Amino acid sequence: MEKQTITIYDVAREANVSMATVSRVVNGNPNVKPATRKKVLDVIDELDYRPNAVARGLASKKTTTVGVIIPDVTNLYFSSLARGIDDIATMYKYNIILANSDQNNHKEIQVLNTLLSKQVDGIIYMGNNLTSELRAEIVRSKTPIVLAGTIDPDHVVASVNIDYKVATQEAIQQLIENGHKNIAFVTASLKNTVASDLRLEGYKSALSVANIEFNDKFVYEIPMTYQCGEVLAEKLVQAGITATVVTDDEAAVGLINGLYDLGVKVPKDFEVISSNNSKLTKMTRPTLSTIAPPLYDIGAVAMRLLTKIMNKEEVVETEITLPYKIEYRQSTKS
């Protein structure tokens, strides 16, 4: 037998109070007598009433719900960002609707519109690939939206990031100081990806400062998966490359293992620096040197920025750049 949905009307009838009183109890309004509050709460427990966020929002014009668009729920980089988002959301009493877009550009637009149809108070977008179509939908929306870990090329949409150009430049400079000249830059597609473009600028800048000529054949655009990183190893070795910066940890792990299978010793013969400092970087042998963005903090600051925008608090800066570190481990000589 199908379970009957319990409504606010049922609670009000059983507690012998008005629906407005039940609403005040549910929403934590202090203007309810303690005895009445206890009676209503007892009925809520008895009937197992679960307030509908959207229905509650019809009166308050707020659902206290935030949508989070995540490209890949299995990716440790995005899950680390999500932890920061969730902790701050809980602190400010917001519920989270997590929507996985499967790194599909068309699905991202569908997911965005689905969240907007649920009347969420705000949205955090964690994708890497901000297409012009998706950006147009974001700008058109009246719902507050914050980007976490990606950048609006027109600097209109609020965002939280690190300085990808400077971080990559520093990593490449270290590889140059370690004696390398044939250094690859391994990235996801550069199309519609401002963060990757900035990383590429950092790569070029480091080479320029060292008077090393830029070779576009040393820039490899691949899907950021373990398998693609593993396959790439042979191509890099055949091209005479001796060091690389990889913009994703999973692909970097695949590369490390691919080099091992080829008998290439890391870091003696080949050095690798990754870019996200997820848990994966400590699980490899050798462990991965990596640019270390504050993943939890990016998520947490993005959520706090969103709460400020949603509640119309004063926002001094809508594009926030957080500090980063570079963790030198066993995949580099220093």
C-alpha atoms as a PDB file:
ATOM      1  CA  MET A   1       0.000   0.000   0.000  1.00  0.00           C
ATOM      2  CA  GLU A   2       1.390   3.408  -0.981  1.00  0.00           C
ATOM      3  CA  LYS A   3       2.343   5.610   1.939  1.00  0.00           C
ATOM      4  CA  GLN A   4       0.112   8.667   2.245  1.00  0.00           C
ATOM      5  CA  THR A   5       1.866  12.023   2.074  1.00  0.00           C
ATOM      6  CA  ILE A   6       1.525  13.986   5.297  1.00  0.00           C
ATOM      7  CA  THR A   7       0.851  17.690   4.766  1.00  0.00           C
ATOM      8  CA  ILE A   8       0.977  20.776   6.950  1.00  0.00           C
ATOM      9  CA  TYR A   9      -2.824  20.644   7.025  1.00  0.00           C
ATOM     10  CA  ASP A  10      -2.730  17.185   8.665  1.00  0.00           C
ATOM     11  CA  VAL A  11      -0.338  18.438  11.366  1.00  0.00           C
ATOM     12  CA  ALA A  12      -2.475  21.513  12.044  1.00  0.00           C
ATOM     13  CA  ARG A  13      -5.645  19.383  12.345  1.00  0.00           C
ATOM     14  CA  GLU A  14      -4.085  16.841  14.718  1.00  0.00           C
ATOM     15  CA  ALA A  15      -2.480  19.548  16.887  1.00  0.00           C
ATOM     16  CA  ASN A  16      -5.650  21.643  16.799  1.00  0.00           C
ATOM     17  CA  VAL A  17      -3.777  24.770  15.713  1.00  0.00           C
ATOM     18  CA  SER A  18      -3.690  26.883  12.575  1.00  0.00           C
ATOM     19  CA  MET A  19      -1.439  26.061   9.618  1.00  0.00           C
ATOM     20  CA  ALA A  20       0.279  29.400  10.243  1.00  0.00           C
ATOM     21  CA  THR A  21       1.260  28.191  13.719  1.00  0.00           C
ATOM     22  CA  VAL A  22       2.690  24.961  12.313  1.00  0.00           C
ATOM     23  CA  SER A  23       4.629  27.006   9.755  1.00  0.00           C
ATOM     24  CA  ARG A  24       6.079  29.215  12.488  1.00  0.00           C
ATOM     25  CA  VAL A  25       7.195  26.151  14.479  1.00  0.00           C
ATOM     26  CA  VAL A  26       8.784  24.500  11.437  1.00  0.00           C
ATOM     27  CA  ASN A  27      10.631  27.688  10.483  1.00  0.00           C
ATOM     28  CA  GLY A  28      11.891  28.339  14.021  1.00  0.00           C
ATOM     29  CA  ASN A  29       9.839  31.478  14.606  1.00  0.00           C
ATOM     30  CA  PRO A  30      10.119  32.363  18.329  1.00  0.00           C
ATOM     31  CA  ASN A  31       6.595  33.822  18.482  1.00  0.00           C
ATOM     32  CA  VAL A  32       5.000  30.542  19.558  1.00  0.00           C
ATOM     33  CA  LYS A  33       4.168  29.562  23.144  1.00  0.00           C
ATOM     34  CA  PRO A  34       6.416  26.756  24.461  1.00  0.00           C
ATOM     35  CA  ALA A  35       3.462  24.482  25.198  1.00  0.00           C
ATOM     36  CA  THR A  36       2.036  24.987  21.693  1.00  0.00           C
ATOM     37  CA  ARG A  37       5.461  24.431  20.132  1.00  0.00           C
ATOM     38  CA  LYS A  38       5.869  21.156  22.029  1.00  0.00           C
ATOM     39  CA  LYS A  39       2.400  19.981  20.987  1.00  0.00           C
ATOM     40  CA  VAL A  40       3.098  20.726  17.313  1.00  0.00           C
ATOM     41  CA  LEU A  41       6.525  19.061  17.430  1.00  0.00           C
ATOM     42  CA  ASP A  42       5.023  15.962  19.057  1.00  0.00           C
ATOM     43  CA  VAL A  43       2.464  15.692  16.239  1.00  0.00           C
ATOM     44  CA  ILE A  44       5.205  16.218  13.633  1.00  0.00           C
ATOM     45  CA  ASP A  45       7.141  13.307  15.164  1.00  0.00           C
ATOM     46  CA  GLU A  46       4.033  11.138  15.419  1.00  0.00           C
ATOM     47  CA  LEU A  47       3.007  11.707  11.802  1.00  0.00           C
ATOM     48  CA  ASP A  48       6.611  11.726  10.514  1.00  0.00           C
ATOM     49  CA  TYR A  49       5.956  15.018   8.748  1.00  0.00           C
ATOM     50  CA  ARG A  50       8.717  16.254   6.434  1.00  0.00           C
ATOM     51  CA  PRO A  51       8.309  19.900   5.370  1.00  0.00           C
ATOM     52  CA  ASN A  52       8.626  20.475   1.631  1.00  0.00           C
ATOM     53  CA  ALA A  53      11.314  23.075   0.979  1.00  0.00           C
ATOM     54  CA  VAL A  54       9.631  24.455  -2.130  1.00  0.00           C
ATOM     55  CA  ALA A  55       6.254  24.658  -0.414  1.00  0.00           C
ATOM     56  CA  ARG A  56       7.818  26.477   2.532  1.00  0.00           C
ATOM     57  CA  GLY A  57       9.461  28.820   0.058  1.00  0.00           C
ATOM     58  CA  LEU A  58       6.135  29.910  -1.420  1.00  0.00           C
ATOM     59  CA  ALA A  59       5.457  31.968   1.671  1.00  0.00           C
ATOM     60  CA  SER A  60       8.978  33.062   2.557  1.00  0.00           C
ATOM     61  CA  LYS A  61      10.160  33.374  -1.077  1.00  0.00           C
ATOM     62  CA  LYS A  62      13.127  31.263   0.028  1.00  0.00           C
ATOM     63  CA  THR A  63      13.582  27.504  -0.094  1.00  0.00           C
ATOM     64  CA  THR A  64      16.817  27.481   1.958  1.00  0.00           C
ATOM     65  CA  THR A  65      18.089  25.122  -0.730  1.00  0.00           C
ATOM     66  CA  VAL A  66      21.228  25.501  -2.837  1.00  0.00           C
ATOM     67  CA  GLY A  67      21.974  23.587  -6.014  1.00  0.00           C
ATOM     68  CA  VAL A  68      25.504  22.310  -6.663  1.00  0.00           C
ATOM     69  CA  ILE A  69      26.507  21.278 -10.190  1.00  0.00           C
ATOM     70  CA  ILE A  70      29.377  18.793 -10.118  1.00  0.00           C
ATOM     71  CA  PRO A  71      30.928  17.371 -13.321  1.00  0.00           C
ATOM     72  CA  ASP A  72      31.957  14.017 -11.838  1.00  0.00           C
ATOM     73  CA  VAL A  73      30.952  12.840  -8.371  1.00  0.00           C
ATOM     74  CA  THR A  74      33.700  10.186  -8.434  1.00  0.00           C
ATOM     75  CA  ASN A  75      36.497  12.744  -8.956  1.00  0.00           C
ATOM     76  CA  LEU A  76      38.351  13.419  -5.684  1.00  0.00           C
ATOM     77  CA  TYR A  77      39.061  17.030  -6.707  1.00  0.00           C
ATOM     78  CA  PHE A  78      35.364  17.868  -6.932  1.00  0.00           C
ATOM     79  CA  SER A  79      34.458  15.853  -3.834  1.00  0.00           C
ATOM     80  CA  SER A  80      36.983  17.901  -1.825  1.00  0.00           C
ATOM     81  CA  LEU A  81      35.380  21.113  -3.058  1.00  0.00           C
ATOM     82  CA  ALA A  82      31.944  19.711  -2.207  1.00  0.00           C
ATOM     83  CA  ARG A  83      32.986  19.056   1.415  1.00  0.00           C
ATOM     84  CA  GLY A  84      33.747  22.734   1.914  1.00  0.00           C
ATOM     85  CA  ILE A  85      30.473  23.731   0.281  1.00  0.00           C
ATOM     86  CA  ASP A  86      28.458  21.319   2.408  1.00  0.00           C
ATOM     87  CA  ASP A  87      30.025  22.379   5.722  1.00  0.00           C
ATOM     88  CA  ILE A  88      29.275  26.070   5.176  1.00  0.00           C
ATOM     89  CA  ALA A  89      25.808  25.278   3.831  1.00  0.00           C
ATOM     90  CA  THR A  90      25.079  23.347   7.026  1.00  0.00           C
ATOM     91  CA  MET A  91      26.444  26.197   9.147  1.00  0.00           C
ATOM     92  CA  TYR A  92      24.049  28.633   7.480  1.00  0.00           C
ATOM     93  CA  LYS A  93      21.173  26.115   7.498  1.00  0.00           C
ATOM     94  CA  TYR A  94      20.937  25.532   3.756  1.00  0.00           C
ATOM     95  CA  ASN A  95      20.054  22.196   2.188  1.00  0.00           C
ATOM     96  CA  ILE A  96      22.077  20.955  -0.779  1.00  0.00           C
ATOM     97  CA  ILE A  97      20.802  19.454  -4.018  1.00  0.00           C
ATOM     98  CA  LEU A  98      23.800  17.806  -5.688  1.00  0.00           C
ATOM     99  CA  ALA A  99      23.497  17.367  -9.456  1.00  0.00           C
ATOM    100  CA  ASN A 100      26.011  15.366 -11.495  1.00  0.00           C
ATOM    101  CA  SER A 101      26.490  16.574 -15.089  1.00  0.00           C
ATOM    102  CA  ASP A 102      28.769  13.707 -16.235  1.00  0.00           C
ATOM    103  CA  GLN A 103      31.120  16.291 -17.802  1.00  0.00           C
ATOM    104  CA  ASN A 104      28.544  16.711 -20.566  1.00  0.00           C
ATOM    105  CA  ASN A 105      28.077  20.270 -21.844  1.00  0.00           C
ATOM    106  CA  HIS A 106      24.480  19.722 -22.965  1.00  0.00           C
ATOM    107  CA  LYS A 107      23.548  17.982 -19.706  1.00  0.00           C
ATOM    108  CA  GLU A 108      25.016  20.869 -17.680  1.00  0.00           C
ATOM    109  CA  ILE A 109      22.450  23.240 -19.187  1.00  0.00           C
ATOM    110  CA  GLN A 110      19.677  20.732 -18.451  1.00  0.00           C
ATOM    111  CA  VAL A 111      20.886  20.334 -14.866  1.00  0.00           C
ATOM    112  CA  LEU A 112      21.058  24.105 -14.391  1.00  0.00           C
ATOM    113  CA  ASN A 113      17.494  24.582 -15.628  1.00  0.00           C
ATOM    114  CA  THR A 114      16.268  21.670 -13.490  1.00  0.00           C
ATOM    115  CA  LEU A 115      17.751  23.277 -10.376  1.00  0.00           C
ATOM    116  CA  LEU A 116      16.246  26.649 -11.278  1.00  0.00           C
ATOM    117  CA  SER A 117      12.833  24.984 -11.720  1.00  0.00           C
ATOM    118  CA  LYS A 118      13.146  23.672  -8.149  1.00  0.00           C
ATOM    119  CA  GLN A 119      13.356  27.299  -7.011  1.00  0.00           C
ATOM    120  CA  VAL A 120      16.740  26.936  -5.340  1.00  0.00           C
ATOM    121  CA  ASP A 121      17.978  30.112  -3.658  1.00  0.00           C
ATOM    122  CA  GLY A 122      21.391  29.878  -5.322  1.00  0.00           C
ATOM    123  CA  ILE A 123      23.708  27.626  -7.324  1.00  0.00           C
ATOM    124  CA  ILE A 124      27.391  26.725  -7.175  1.00  0.00           C
ATOM    125  CA  TYR A 125      28.950  25.518 -10.425  1.00  0.00           C
ATOM    126  CA  MET A 126      32.093  23.387 -10.127  1.00  0.00           C
ATOM    127  CA  GLY A 127      32.713  22.497 -13.770  1.00  0.00           C
ATOM    128  CA  ASN A 128      35.936  23.103 -15.681  1.00  0.00           C
ATOM    129  CA  ASN A 129      34.338  23.883 -19.013  1.00  0.00           C
ATOM    130  CA  LEU A 130      32.222  27.045 -18.988  1.00  0.00           C
ATOM    131  CA  THR A 131      30.760  27.051 -22.497  1.00  0.00           C
ATOM    132  CA  SER A 132      29.282  30.200 -23.995  1.00  0.00           C
ATOM    133  CA  GLU A 133      25.838  28.544 -23.978  1.00  0.00           C
ATOM    134  CA  LEU A 134      26.035  27.672 -20.288  1.00  0.00           C
ATOM    135  CA  ARG A 135      27.429  31.084 -19.410  1.00  0.00           C
ATOM    136  CA  ALA A 136      24.537  32.750 -21.256  1.00  0.00           C
ATOM    137  CA  GLU A 137      22.056  30.711 -19.173  1.00  0.00           C
ATOM    138  CA  ILE A 138      23.874  31.661 -15.963  1.00  0.00           C
ATOM    139  CA  VAL A 139      23.943  35.371 -16.786  1.00  0.00           C
ATOM    140  CA  ARG A 140      20.274  35.286 -17.848  1.00  0.00           C
ATOM    141  CA  SER A 141      19.211  33.728 -14.560  1.00  0.00           C
ATOM    142  CA  LYS A 142      18.112  35.957 -11.712  1.00  0.00           C
ATOM    143  CA  THR A 143      19.217  33.287  -9.224  1.00  0.00           C
ATOM    144  CA  PRO A 144      22.624  33.983  -7.589  1.00  0.00           C
ATOM    145  CA  ILE A 145      25.366  31.731  -8.985  1.00  0.00           C
ATOM    146  CA  VAL A 146      28.992  31.336  -7.902  1.00  0.00           C
ATOM    147  CA  LEU A 147      31.745  29.486  -9.780  1.00  0.00           C
ATOM    148  CA  ALA A 148      34.074  27.317  -7.680  1.00  0.00           C
ATOM    149  CA  GLY A 149      37.361  26.453  -9.348  1.00  0.00           C
ATOM    150  CA  THR A 150      36.571  28.017 -12.702  1.00  0.00           C
ATOM    151  CA  ILE A 151      36.540  31.549 -14.089  1.00  0.00           C
ATOM    152  CA  ASP A 152      34.089  33.665 -16.052  1.00  0.00           C
ATOM    153  CA  PRO A 153      36.053  35.037 -19.047  1.00  0.00           C
ATOM    154  CA  ASP A 154      34.038  38.264 -18.897  1.00  0.00           C
ATOM    155  CA  HIS A 155      34.454  38.584 -15.101  1.00  0.00           C
ATOM    156  CA  VAL A 156      30.721  39.028 -14.494  1.00  0.00           C
ATOM    157  CA  VAL A 157      29.840  35.845 -12.587  1.00  0.00           C
ATOM    158  CA  ALA A 158      31.208  35.578  -9.030  1.00  0.00           C
ATOM    159  CA  SER A 159      34.009  33.034  -8.588  1.00  0.00           C
ATOM    160  CA  VAL A 160      36.599  31.564  -6.206  1.00  0.00           C
ATOM    161  CA  ASN A 161      39.935  30.262  -7.527  1.00  0.00           C
ATOM    162  CA  ILE A 162      43.709  30.318  -7.188  1.00  0.00           C
ATOM    163  CA  ASP A 163      46.061  32.155  -9.554  1.00  0.00           C
ATOM    164  CA  TYR A 164      46.433  29.335 -12.077  1.00  0.00           C
ATOM    165  CA  LYS A 165      48.922  31.218 -14.252  1.00  0.00           C
ATOM    166  CA  VAL A 166      51.362  32.020 -11.442  1.00  0.00           C
ATOM    167  CA  ALA A 167      51.064  28.539  -9.913  1.00  0.00           C
ATOM    168  CA  THR A 168      51.861  26.813 -13.204  1.00  0.00           C
ATOM    169  CA  GLN A 169      54.683  29.238 -13.935  1.00  0.00           C
ATOM    170  CA  GLU A 170      56.265  28.453 -10.563  1.00  0.00           C
ATOM    171  CA  ALA A 171      55.994  24.686 -11.163  1.00  0.00           C
ATOM    172  CA  ILE A 172      57.568  24.942 -14.629  1.00  0.00           C
ATOM    173  CA  GLN A 173      60.346  27.174 -13.310  1.00  0.00           C
ATOM    174  CA  GLN A 174      61.241  24.501 -10.758  1.00  0.00           C
ATOM    175  CA  LEU A 175      61.471  21.867 -13.482  1.00  0.00           C
ATOM    176  CA  ILE A 176      63.721  24.199 -15.497  1.00  0.00           C
ATOM    177  CA  GLU A 177      65.935  24.754 -12.437  1.00  0.00           C
ATOM    178  CA  ASN A 178      66.172  20.971 -12.159  1.00  0.00           C
ATOM    179  CA  GLY A 179      67.826  20.948 -15.574  1.00  0.00           C
ATOM    180  CA  HIS A 180      64.943  20.241 -17.967  1.00  0.00           C
ATOM    181  CA  LYS A 181      64.351  21.948 -21.315  1.00  0.00           C
ATOM    182  CA  ASN A 182      61.913  19.553 -22.988  1.00  0.00           C
ATOM    183  CA  ILE A 183      58.943  20.081 -20.670  1.00  0.00           C
ATOM    184  CA  ALA A 184      55.404  19.080 -21.624  1.00  0.00           C
ATOM    185  CA  PHE A 185      52.167  20.711 -20.548  1.00  0.00           C
ATOM    186  CA  VAL A 186      49.338  18.157 -20.235  1.00  0.00           C
ATOM    187  CA  THR A 187      45.838  19.579 -19.976  1.00  0.00           C
ATOM    188  CA  ALA A 188      42.190  18.949 -20.720  1.00  0.00           C
ATOM    189  CA  SER A 189      40.700  20.633 -23.766  1.00  0.00           C
ATOM    190  CA  LEU A 190      41.642  24.308 -23.920  1.00  0.00           C
ATOM    191  CA  LYS A 191      38.283  25.120 -25.507  1.00  0.00           C
ATOM    192  CA  ASN A 192      36.001  27.193 -23.219  1.00  0.00           C
ATOM    193  CA  THR A 193      38.360  26.666 -20.277  1.00  0.00           C
ATOM    194  CA  VAL A 194      39.747  29.905 -18.879  1.00  0.00           C
ATOM    195  CA  ALA A 195      41.655  28.167 -16.077  1.00  0.00           C
ATOM    196  CA  SER A 196      43.484  25.945 -18.594  1.00  0.00           C
ATOM    197  CA  ASP A 197      44.251  28.976 -20.755  1.00  0.00           C
ATOM    198  CA  LEU A 198      45.776  30.714 -17.739  1.00  0.00           C
ATOM    199  CA  ARG A 199      47.837  27.635 -16.922  1.00  0.00           C
ATOM    200  CA  LEU A 200      49.086  27.566 -20.519  1.00  0.00           C
ATOM    201  CA  GLU A 201      50.065  31.234 -20.189  1.00  0.00           C
ATOM    202  CA  GLY A 202      52.028  30.344 -17.054  1.00  0.00           C
ATOM    203  CA  TYR A 203      53.770  27.520 -18.925  1.00  0.00           C
ATOM    204  CA  LYS A 204      54.730  29.830 -21.798  1.00  0.00           C
ATOM    205  CA  SER A 205      55.860  32.576 -19.435  1.00  0.00           C
ATOM    206  CA  ALA A 206      58.212  30.274 -17.517  1.00  0.00           C
ATOM    207  CA  LEU A 207      59.761  29.049 -20.771  1.00  0.00           C
ATOM    208  CA  SER A 208      60.168  32.626 -22.018  1.00  0.00           C
ATOM    209  CA  VAL A 209      61.942  33.773 -18.852  1.00  0.00           C
ATOM    210  CA  ALA A 210      64.392  30.864 -19.250  1.00  0.00           C
ATOM    211  CA  ASN A 211      64.889  31.611 -22.974  1.00  0.00           C
ATOM    212  CA  ILE A 212      63.425  28.245 -23.935  1.00  0.00           C
ATOM    213  CA  GLU A 213      61.476  28.338 -27.190  1.00  0.00           C
ATOM    214  CA  PHE A 214      57.812  27.387 -26.911  1.00  0.00           C
ATOM    215  CA  ASN A 215      56.923  24.251 -28.892  1.00  0.00           C
ATOM    216  CA  ASP A 216      53.198  23.705 -29.378  1.00  0.00           C
ATOM    217  CA  LYS A 217      53.892  20.000 -29.951  1.00  0.00           C
ATOM    218  CA  PHE A 218      54.752  19.790 -26.253  1.00  0.00           C
ATOM    219  CA  VAL A 219      51.196  20.818 -25.321  1.00  0.00           C
ATOM    220  CA  TYR A 220      49.012  17.717 -24.986  1.00  0.00           C
ATOM    221  CA  GLU A 221      45.215  18.043 -24.731  1.00  0.00           C
ATOM    222  CA  ILE A 222      43.778  14.762 -23.443  1.00  0.00           C
ATOM    223  CA  PRO A 223      40.750  13.566 -21.467  1.00  0.00           C
ATOM    224  CA  MET A 224      41.763  13.767 -17.815  1.00  0.00           C
ATOM    225  CA  THR A 225      41.465  10.052 -17.039  1.00  0.00           C
ATOM    226  CA  TYR A 226      43.839   7.440 -15.648  1.00  0.00           C
ATOM    227  CA  GLN A 227      43.813   5.451 -18.899  1.00  0.00           C
ATOM    228  CA  CYS A 228      44.648   8.472 -21.068  1.00  0.00           C
ATOM    229  CA  GLY A 229      47.509   9.448 -18.748  1.00  0.00           C
ATOM    230  CA  GLU A 230      48.871   5.912 -18.891  1.00  0.00           C
ATOM    231  CA  VAL A 231      48.753   5.817 -22.712  1.00  0.00           C
ATOM    232  CA  LEU A 232      50.367   9.263 -22.922  1.00  0.00           C
ATOM    233  CA  ALA A 233      53.548   8.061 -21.192  1.00  0.00           C
ATOM    234  CA  GLU A 234      54.959   6.388 -24.295  1.00  0.00           C
ATOM    235  CA  LYS A 235      54.215   9.432 -26.484  1.00  0.00           C
ATOM    236  CA  LEU A 236      56.056  11.748 -24.096  1.00  0.00           C
ATOM    237  CA  VAL A 237      59.103   9.489 -23.914  1.00  0.00           C
ATOM    238  CA  GLN A 238      59.225   9.093 -27.700  1.00  0.00           C
ATOM    239  CA  ALA A 239      59.053  12.897 -28.088  1.00  0.00           C
ATOM    240  CA  GLY A 240      62.163  13.279 -25.916  1.00  0.00           C
ATOM    241  CA  ILE A 241      60.267  14.966 -23.083  1.00  0.00           C
ATOM    242  CA  THR A 242      61.832  14.611 -19.633  1.00  0.00           C
ATOM    243  CA  ALA A 243      59.386  16.494 -17.390  1.00  0.00           C
ATOM    244  CA  THR A 244      55.770  17.636 -17.346  1.00  0.00           C
ATOM    245  CA  VAL A 245      53.054  19.481 -15.467  1.00  0.00           C
ATOM    246  CA  VAL A 246      49.678  17.684 -15.607  1.00  0.00           C
ATOM    247  CA  THR A 247      46.514  19.614 -14.758  1.00  0.00           C
ATOM    248  CA  ASP A 248      44.658  16.655 -13.201  1.00  0.00           C
ATOM    249  CA  ASP A 249      45.725  14.146 -10.542  1.00  0.00           C
ATOM    250  CA  GLU A 250      44.023  11.091 -12.043  1.00  0.00           C
ATOM    251  CA  ALA A 251      45.773  11.579 -15.385  1.00  0.00           C
ATOM    252  CA  ALA A 252      49.065  12.221 -13.560  1.00  0.00           C
ATOM    253  CA  VAL A 253      48.708   8.918 -11.683  1.00  0.00           C
ATOM    254  CA  GLY A 254      48.124   7.126 -14.988  1.00  0.00           C
ATOM    255  CA  LEU A 255      51.224   8.799 -16.410  1.00  0.00           C
ATOM    256  CA  ILE A 256      53.374   7.746 -13.430  1.00  0.00           C
ATOM    257  CA  ASN A 257      52.300   4.119 -13.834  1.00  0.00           C
ATOM    258  CA  GLY A 258      52.730   4.279 -17.612  1.00  0.00           C
ATOM    259  CA  LEU A 259      56.302   5.493 -17.167  1.00  0.00           C
ATOM    260  CA  TYR A 260      56.957   2.678 -14.690  1.00  0.00           C
ATOM    261  CA  ASP A 261      55.717   0.115 -17.225  1.00  0.00           C
ATOM    262  CA  LEU A 262      58.170   1.558 -19.758  1.00  0.00           C
ATOM    263  CA  GLY A 263      61.061   1.231 -17.317  1.00  0.00           C
ATOM    264  CA  VAL A 264      61.435   5.011 -16.990  1.00  0.00           C
ATOM    265  CA  LYS A 265      62.580   5.981 -13.515  1.00  0.00           C
ATOM    266  CA  VAL A 266      60.764   8.849 -11.774  1.00  0.00           C
ATOM    267  CA  PRO A 267      62.246  11.298 -10.841  1.00  0.00           C
ATOM    268  CA  LYS A 268      65.716  10.230 -12.034  1.00  0.00           C
ATOM    269  CA  ASP A 269      64.801  10.129 -15.738  1.00  0.00           C
ATOM    270  CA  PHE A 270      61.459  11.941 -15.768  1.00  0.00           C
ATOM    271  CA  GLU A 271      59.833  14.444 -13.374  1.00  0.00           C
ATOM    272  CA  VAL A 272      56.086  14.960 -12.912  1.00  0.00           C
ATOM    273  CA  ILE A 273      54.140  17.727 -11.182  1.00  0.00           C
ATOM    274  CA  SER A 274      50.370  17.426 -10.853  1.00  0.00           C
ATOM    275  CA  SER A 275      47.894  20.214 -10.076  1.00  0.00           C
ATOM    276  CA  ASN A 276      45.164  19.408  -7.531  1.00  0.00           C
ATOM    277  CA  ASN A 277      46.746  17.750  -4.477  1.00  0.00           C
ATOM    278  CA  SER A 278      43.863  15.330  -4.031  1.00  0.00           C
ATOM    279  CA  LYS A 279      44.347  12.153  -1.962  1.00  0.00           C
ATOM    280  CA  LEU A 280      45.548  10.359  -5.091  1.00  0.00           C
ATOM    281  CA  THR A 281      48.845  12.264  -5.050  1.00  0.00           C
ATOM    282  CA  LYS A 282      49.877  10.507  -1.833  1.00  0.00           C
ATOM    283  CA  MET A 283      48.786   7.031  -2.975  1.00  0.00           C
ATOM    284  CA  THR A 284      51.305   6.639  -5.805  1.00  0.00           C
ATOM    285  CA  ARG A 285      54.851   5.336  -5.563  1.00  0.00           C
ATOM    286  CA  PRO A 286      56.643   7.633  -5.979  1.00  0.00           C
ATOM    287  CA  THR A 287      54.263  10.135  -4.398  1.00  0.00           C
ATOM    288  CA  LEU A 288      53.295  13.022  -6.672  1.00  0.00           C
ATOM    289  CA  SER A 289      54.641  16.535  -6.392  1.00  0.00           C
ATOM    290  CA  THR A 290      51.726  18.863  -7.019  1.00  0.00           C
ATOM    291  CA  ILE A 291      50.367  22.367  -7.064  1.00  0.00           C
ATOM    292  CA  ALA A 292      48.205  22.437  -3.947  1.00  0.00           C
ATOM    293  CA  PRO A 293      45.123  24.636  -4.190  1.00  0.00           C
ATOM    294  CA  PRO A 294      43.137  24.836  -0.941  1.00  0.00           C
ATOM    295  CA  LEU A 295      40.315  22.640  -2.256  1.00  0.00           C
ATOM    296  CA  TYR A 296      38.181  22.626   0.884  1.00  0.00           C
ATOM    297  CA  ASP A 297      38.597  26.390   1.251  1.00  0.00           C
ATOM    298  CA  ILE A 298      37.620  27.067  -2.365  1.00  0.00           C
ATOM    299  CA  GLY A 299      34.337  25.237  -1.760  1.00  0.00           C
ATOM    300  CA  ALA A 300      33.781  26.847   1.641  1.00  0.00           C
ATOM    301  CA  VAL A 301      34.532  30.395   0.467  1.00  0.00           C
ATOM    302  CA  ALA A 302      32.349  29.901  -2.625  1.00  0.00           C
ATOM    303  CA  MET A 303      29.426  28.855  -0.423  1.00  0.00           C
ATOM    304  CA  ARG A 304      29.953  31.764   1.974  1.00  0.00           C
ATOM    305  CA  LEU A 305      30.118  34.174  -0.969  1.00  0.00           C
ATOM    306  CA  LEU A 306      26.873  32.702  -2.273  1.00  0.00           C
ATOM    307  CA  THR A 307      25.139  33.175   1.101  1.00  0.00           C
ATOM    308  CA  LYS A 308      26.182  36.829   1.088  1.00  0.00           C
ATOM    309  CA  ILE A 309      24.805  37.367  -2.409  1.00  0.00           C
ATOM    310  CA  MET A 310      21.574  35.484  -1.632  1.00  0.00           C
ATOM    311  CA  ASN A 311      20.994  37.481   1.549  1.00  0.00           C
ATOM    312  CA  LYS A 312      21.956  40.762  -0.116  1.00  0.00           C
ATOM    313  CA  GLU A 313      24.848  41.324   2.277  1.00  0.00           C
ATOM    314  CA  GLU A 314      27.673  43.653   1.299  1.00  0.00           C
ATOM    315  CA  VAL A 315      30.116  41.897  -1.030  1.00  0.00           C
ATOM    316  CA  VAL A 316      33.436  43.703  -1.414  1.00  0.00           C
ATOM    317  CA  GLU A 317      34.889  41.344  -4.008  1.00  0.00           C
ATOM    318  CA  THR A 318      33.076  38.894  -6.290  1.00  0.00           C
ATOM    319  CA  GLU A 319      36.246  37.352  -7.775  1.00  0.00           C
ATOM    320  CA  ILE A 320      38.244  35.836  -4.944  1.00  0.00           C
ATOM    321  CA  THR A 321      41.752  34.438  -5.416  1.00  0.00           C
ATOM    322  CA  LEU A 322      43.024  32.178  -2.627  1.00  0.00           C
ATOM    323  CA  PRO A 323      46.685  31.350  -1.904  1.00  0.00           C
ATOM    324  CA  TYR A 324      48.205  28.058  -3.053  1.00  0.00           C
ATOM    325  CA  LYS A 325      51.306  25.994  -2.258  1.00  0.00           C
ATOM    326  CA  ILE A 326      53.435  23.571  -4.228  1.00  0.00           C
ATOM    327  CA  GLU A 327      54.024  20.281  -2.449  1.00  0.00           C
ATOM    328  CA  TYR A 328      57.315  18.774  -3.635  1.00  0.00           C
ATOM    329  CA  ARG A 329      57.268  15.026  -3.073  1.00  0.00           C
ATOM    330  CA  GLN A 330      58.989  12.041  -4.691  1.00  0.00           C
ATOM    331  CA  SER A 331      58.110  12.618  -8.368  1.00  0.00           C
ATOM    332  CA  THR A 332      60.525  15.566  -8.570  1.00  0.00           C
ATOM    333  CA  LYS A 333      64.164  15.946  -7.600  1.00  0.00           C
ATOM    334  CA  SER A 334      63.333  18.949  -5.430  1.00  0.00           C
END
